[in-house]
Amino acid sequence: MGGRPHPRDQGRSAVRGLLLRGARATRWYVRQATGEAKWDEYVDRCRAEGLAPISRRRFERQRADHREHHVQGRCC
């Protein structure tokens, strides 16, 4: 009753922690790879500078235009 947790519960907790950490890492990676994190970075920068951010739609349009006009040659 107030003692140490059962070893089985400790194992489940460890597995749960690993799964949660893996899910967070996967979410971070996907957001970075797709550019989703760029919006959050932009909004944070605007807040820090005391500026009102443009709309998400306009932000994405500007990003697309920039990528179209500043093409980088890649091997893959």
N, C-alpha and C. Protein backbone atom coordinates (compact mmCIF):
# COMPACT_ATOMS: atom_id res chain seq x y z
N MET A 1 0.80 -1.19 0.00
CA MET A 1 0.00 0.00 0.00
C MET A 1 0.83 1.23 0.00
N GLY A 2 1.57 1.75 0.02
CA GLY A 2 2.38 2.93 -0.04
C GLY A 2 3.81 2.59 -0.34
N GLY A 3 4.06 1.31 -0.59
CA GLY A 3 5.44 0.89 -0.84
C GLY A 3 5.87 1.17 -2.28
N ARG A 4 6.85 0.41 -2.66
CA ARG A 4 7.38 0.59 -4.03
C ARG A 4 6.42 0.00 -5.05
N PRO A 5 6.40 0.55 -6.26
CA PRO A 5 5.53 0.00 -7.31
C PRO A 5 6.00 -1.38 -7.74
N HIS A 6 5.08 -2.16 -8.20
CA HIS A 6 5.38 -3.50 -8.68
C HIS A 6 6.32 -3.39 -9.88
N PRO A 7 7.31 -4.31 -10.01
CA PRO A 7 8.25 -4.25 -11.15
C PRO A 7 7.55 -4.25 -12.51
N ARG A 8 6.43 -4.94 -12.64
CA ARG A 8 5.70 -4.96 -13.89
C ARG A 8 5.20 -3.56 -14.25
N ASP A 9 4.74 -2.82 -13.24
CA ASP A 9 4.28 -1.45 -13.47
C ASP A 9 5.43 -0.55 -13.87
N GLN A 10 6.60 -0.77 -13.29
CA GLN A 10 7.78 0.02 -13.65
C GLN A 10 8.15 -0.25 -15.11
N GLY A 11 8.06 -1.50 -15.53
CA GLY A 11 8.37 -1.86 -16.92
C GLY A 11 7.40 -1.21 -17.89
N ARG A 12 6.12 -1.22 -17.54
CA ARG A 12 5.11 -0.58 -18.39
C ARG A 12 5.36 0.92 -18.49
N SER A 13 5.73 1.50 -17.37
CA SER A 13 6.00 2.93 -17.35
C SER A 13 7.20 3.26 -18.23
N ALA A 14 8.22 2.41 -18.20
CA ALA A 14 9.41 2.63 -19.02
C ALA A 14 9.07 2.51 -20.50
N VAL A 15 8.27 1.51 -20.86
CA VAL A 15 7.85 1.33 -22.25
C VAL A 15 7.01 2.52 -22.69
N ARG A 16 6.09 2.94 -21.85
CA ARG A 16 5.24 4.09 -22.16
C ARG A 16 6.10 5.33 -22.39
N GLY A 17 7.12 5.52 -21.55
CA GLY A 17 8.02 6.66 -21.71
C GLY A 17 8.80 6.60 -23.01
N LEU A 18 9.26 5.42 -23.37
CA LEU A 18 9.99 5.27 -24.65
C LEU A 18 9.08 5.54 -25.84
N LEU A 19 7.85 5.04 -25.78
CA LEU A 19 6.91 5.28 -26.87
C LEU A 19 6.59 6.76 -27.01
N LEU A 20 6.39 7.41 -25.88
CA LEU A 20 6.09 8.84 -25.90
C LEU A 20 7.27 9.64 -26.45
N ARG A 21 8.46 9.29 -26.03
CA ARG A 21 9.66 9.97 -26.54
C ARG A 21 9.82 9.74 -28.04
N GLY A 22 9.56 8.53 -28.49
CA GLY A 22 9.63 8.23 -29.92
C GLY A 22 8.59 9.00 -30.71
N ALA A 23 7.38 9.12 -30.17
CA ALA A 23 6.32 9.86 -30.86
C ALA A 23 6.68 11.34 -30.95
N ARG A 24 7.24 11.89 -29.89
CA ARG A 24 7.64 13.31 -29.91
C ARG A 24 8.75 13.54 -30.93
N ALA A 25 9.72 12.63 -30.97
CA ALA A 25 10.82 12.77 -31.92
C ALA A 25 10.31 12.67 -33.35
N THR A 26 9.39 11.76 -33.59
CA THR A 26 8.82 11.61 -34.94
C THR A 26 8.04 12.85 -35.32
N ARG A 27 7.27 13.39 -34.41
CA ARG A 27 6.51 14.61 -34.68
C ARG A 27 7.45 15.77 -35.02
N TRP A 28 8.53 15.91 -34.23
CA TRP A 28 9.50 16.97 -34.48
C TRP A 28 10.10 16.81 -35.87
N TYR A 29 10.52 15.59 -36.18
CA TYR A 29 11.16 15.34 -37.48
C TYR A 29 10.22 15.66 -38.64
N VAL A 30 8.99 15.21 -38.57
CA VAL A 30 8.02 15.46 -39.65
C VAL A 30 7.76 16.95 -39.79
N ARG A 31 7.61 17.67 -38.67
CA ARG A 31 7.37 19.12 -38.74
C ARG A 31 8.56 19.84 -39.36
N GLN A 32 9.77 19.40 -39.05
CA GLN A 32 10.96 20.01 -39.64
C GLN A 32 11.06 19.69 -41.13
N ALA A 33 10.82 18.44 -41.49
CA ALA A 33 10.95 18.01 -42.88
C ALA A 33 9.91 18.65 -43.79
N THR A 34 8.72 18.88 -43.28
CA THR A 34 7.65 19.45 -44.10
C THR A 34 7.62 20.98 -44.06
N GLY A 35 8.39 21.58 -43.16
CA GLY A 35 8.40 23.03 -43.06
C GLY A 35 7.32 23.58 -42.15
N GLU A 36 6.57 22.70 -41.51
CA GLU A 36 5.50 23.13 -40.61
C GLU A 36 6.03 23.97 -39.46
N ALA A 37 7.22 23.66 -39.00
CA ALA A 37 7.80 24.39 -37.87
C ALA A 37 8.18 25.82 -38.25
N LYS A 38 8.35 26.10 -39.53
CA LYS A 38 8.71 27.45 -39.97
C LYS A 38 7.66 28.47 -39.55
N TRP A 39 6.39 28.11 -39.63
CA TRP A 39 5.31 29.03 -39.24
C TRP A 39 5.44 29.39 -37.76
N ASP A 40 5.63 28.38 -36.92
CA ASP A 40 5.76 28.62 -35.48
C ASP A 40 6.96 29.52 -35.19
N GLU A 41 8.07 29.27 -35.87
CA GLU A 41 9.26 30.10 -35.69
C GLU A 41 8.98 31.54 -36.11
N TYR A 42 8.27 31.70 -37.21
CA TYR A 42 7.93 33.04 -37.70
C TYR A 42 7.05 33.78 -36.70
N VAL A 43 6.01 33.11 -36.21
CA VAL A 43 5.10 33.74 -35.24
C VAL A 43 5.86 34.10 -33.96
N ASP A 44 6.72 33.22 -33.49
CA ASP A 44 7.51 33.51 -32.29
C ASP A 44 8.41 34.73 -32.51
N ARG A 45 9.02 34.81 -33.68
CA ARG A 45 9.88 35.95 -34.00
C ARG A 45 9.08 37.25 -34.03
N CYS A 46 7.89 37.21 -34.62
CA CYS A 46 7.02 38.40 -34.66
C CYS A 46 6.66 38.85 -33.25
N ARG A 47 6.30 37.90 -32.39
CA ARG A 47 5.94 38.24 -31.01
C ARG A 47 7.12 38.89 -30.29
N ALA A 48 8.31 38.32 -30.49
CA ALA A 48 9.50 38.84 -29.83
C ALA A 48 9.81 40.26 -30.28
N GLU A 49 9.51 40.56 -31.54
CA GLU A 49 9.78 41.89 -32.09
C GLU A 49 8.59 42.83 -31.94
N GLY A 50 7.47 42.33 -31.40
CA GLY A 50 6.29 43.15 -31.20
C GLY A 50 5.54 43.47 -32.48
N LEU A 51 5.65 42.59 -33.48
CA LEU A 51 4.99 42.79 -34.77
C LEU A 51 3.80 41.85 -34.92
N ALA A 52 2.85 42.26 -35.73
CA ALA A 52 1.71 41.40 -36.03
C ALA A 52 2.09 40.50 -37.20
N PRO A 53 1.94 39.19 -37.07
CA PRO A 53 2.29 38.29 -38.18
C PRO A 53 1.28 38.40 -39.33
N ILE A 54 1.75 38.10 -40.53
CA ILE A 54 0.85 38.03 -41.68
C ILE A 54 0.01 36.77 -41.55
N SER A 55 -0.96 36.60 -42.41
CA SER A 55 -1.81 35.41 -42.33
C SER A 55 -1.00 34.17 -42.71
N ARG A 56 -1.47 33.03 -42.23
CA ARG A 56 -0.80 31.77 -42.54
C ARG A 56 -0.79 31.52 -44.05
N ARG A 57 -1.89 31.84 -44.70
CA ARG A 57 -2.00 31.65 -46.14
C ARG A 57 -0.93 32.48 -46.88
N ARG A 58 -0.81 33.74 -46.50
CA ARG A 58 0.17 34.61 -47.15
C ARG A 58 1.59 34.14 -46.86
N PHE A 59 1.83 33.71 -45.63
CA PHE A 59 3.13 33.19 -45.25
C PHE A 59 3.52 32.01 -46.14
N GLU A 60 2.61 31.06 -46.29
CA GLU A 60 2.90 29.88 -47.12
C GLU A 60 3.07 30.26 -48.58
N ARG A 61 2.30 31.24 -49.06
CA ARG A 61 2.43 31.70 -50.44
C ARG A 61 3.81 32.32 -50.67
N GLN A 62 4.26 33.12 -49.72
CA GLN A 62 5.59 33.73 -49.83
C GLN A 62 6.69 32.67 -49.79
N ARG A 63 6.52 31.67 -48.94
CA ARG A 63 7.51 30.57 -48.90
C ARG A 63 7.55 29.83 -50.23
N ALA A 64 6.38 29.56 -50.81
CA ALA A 64 6.32 28.86 -52.09
C ALA A 64 6.96 29.70 -53.19
N ASP A 65 6.67 30.99 -53.20
CA ASP A 65 7.26 31.87 -54.21
C ASP A 65 8.78 31.91 -54.07
N HIS A 66 9.25 31.99 -52.85
CA HIS A 66 10.70 32.03 -52.61
C HIS A 66 11.36 30.74 -53.11
N ARG A 67 10.77 29.59 -52.80
CA ARG A 67 11.32 28.31 -53.26
C ARG A 67 11.32 28.24 -54.78
N GLU A 68 10.29 28.78 -55.41
CA GLU A 68 10.18 28.73 -56.87
C GLU A 68 11.24 29.60 -57.53
N HIS A 69 11.53 30.74 -56.95
CA HIS A 69 12.47 31.68 -57.56
C HIS A 69 13.91 31.51 -57.09
N HIS A 70 14.12 30.70 -56.09
CA HIS A 70 15.46 30.45 -55.56
C HIS A 70 15.71 28.93 -55.54
N VAL A 71 15.73 28.36 -56.70
CA VAL A 71 15.88 26.91 -56.84
C VAL A 71 17.31 26.52 -56.50
N GLN A 72 17.45 25.45 -55.73
CA GLN A 72 18.76 24.94 -55.38
C GLN A 72 18.95 23.59 -56.05
N GLY A 73 20.05 23.41 -56.74
CA GLY A 73 20.34 22.12 -57.36
C GLY A 73 20.73 21.10 -56.30
N ARG A 74 20.10 19.97 -56.34
CA ARG A 74 20.41 18.91 -55.38
C ARG A 74 20.58 17.60 -56.13
N CYS A 75 21.34 16.72 -55.54
CA CYS A 75 21.56 15.42 -56.17
C CYS A 75 20.40 14.46 -55.95
N CYS A 76 19.60 14.70 -54.90
CA CYS A 76 18.53 13.75 -54.58
C CYS A 76 17.17 14.40 -54.56
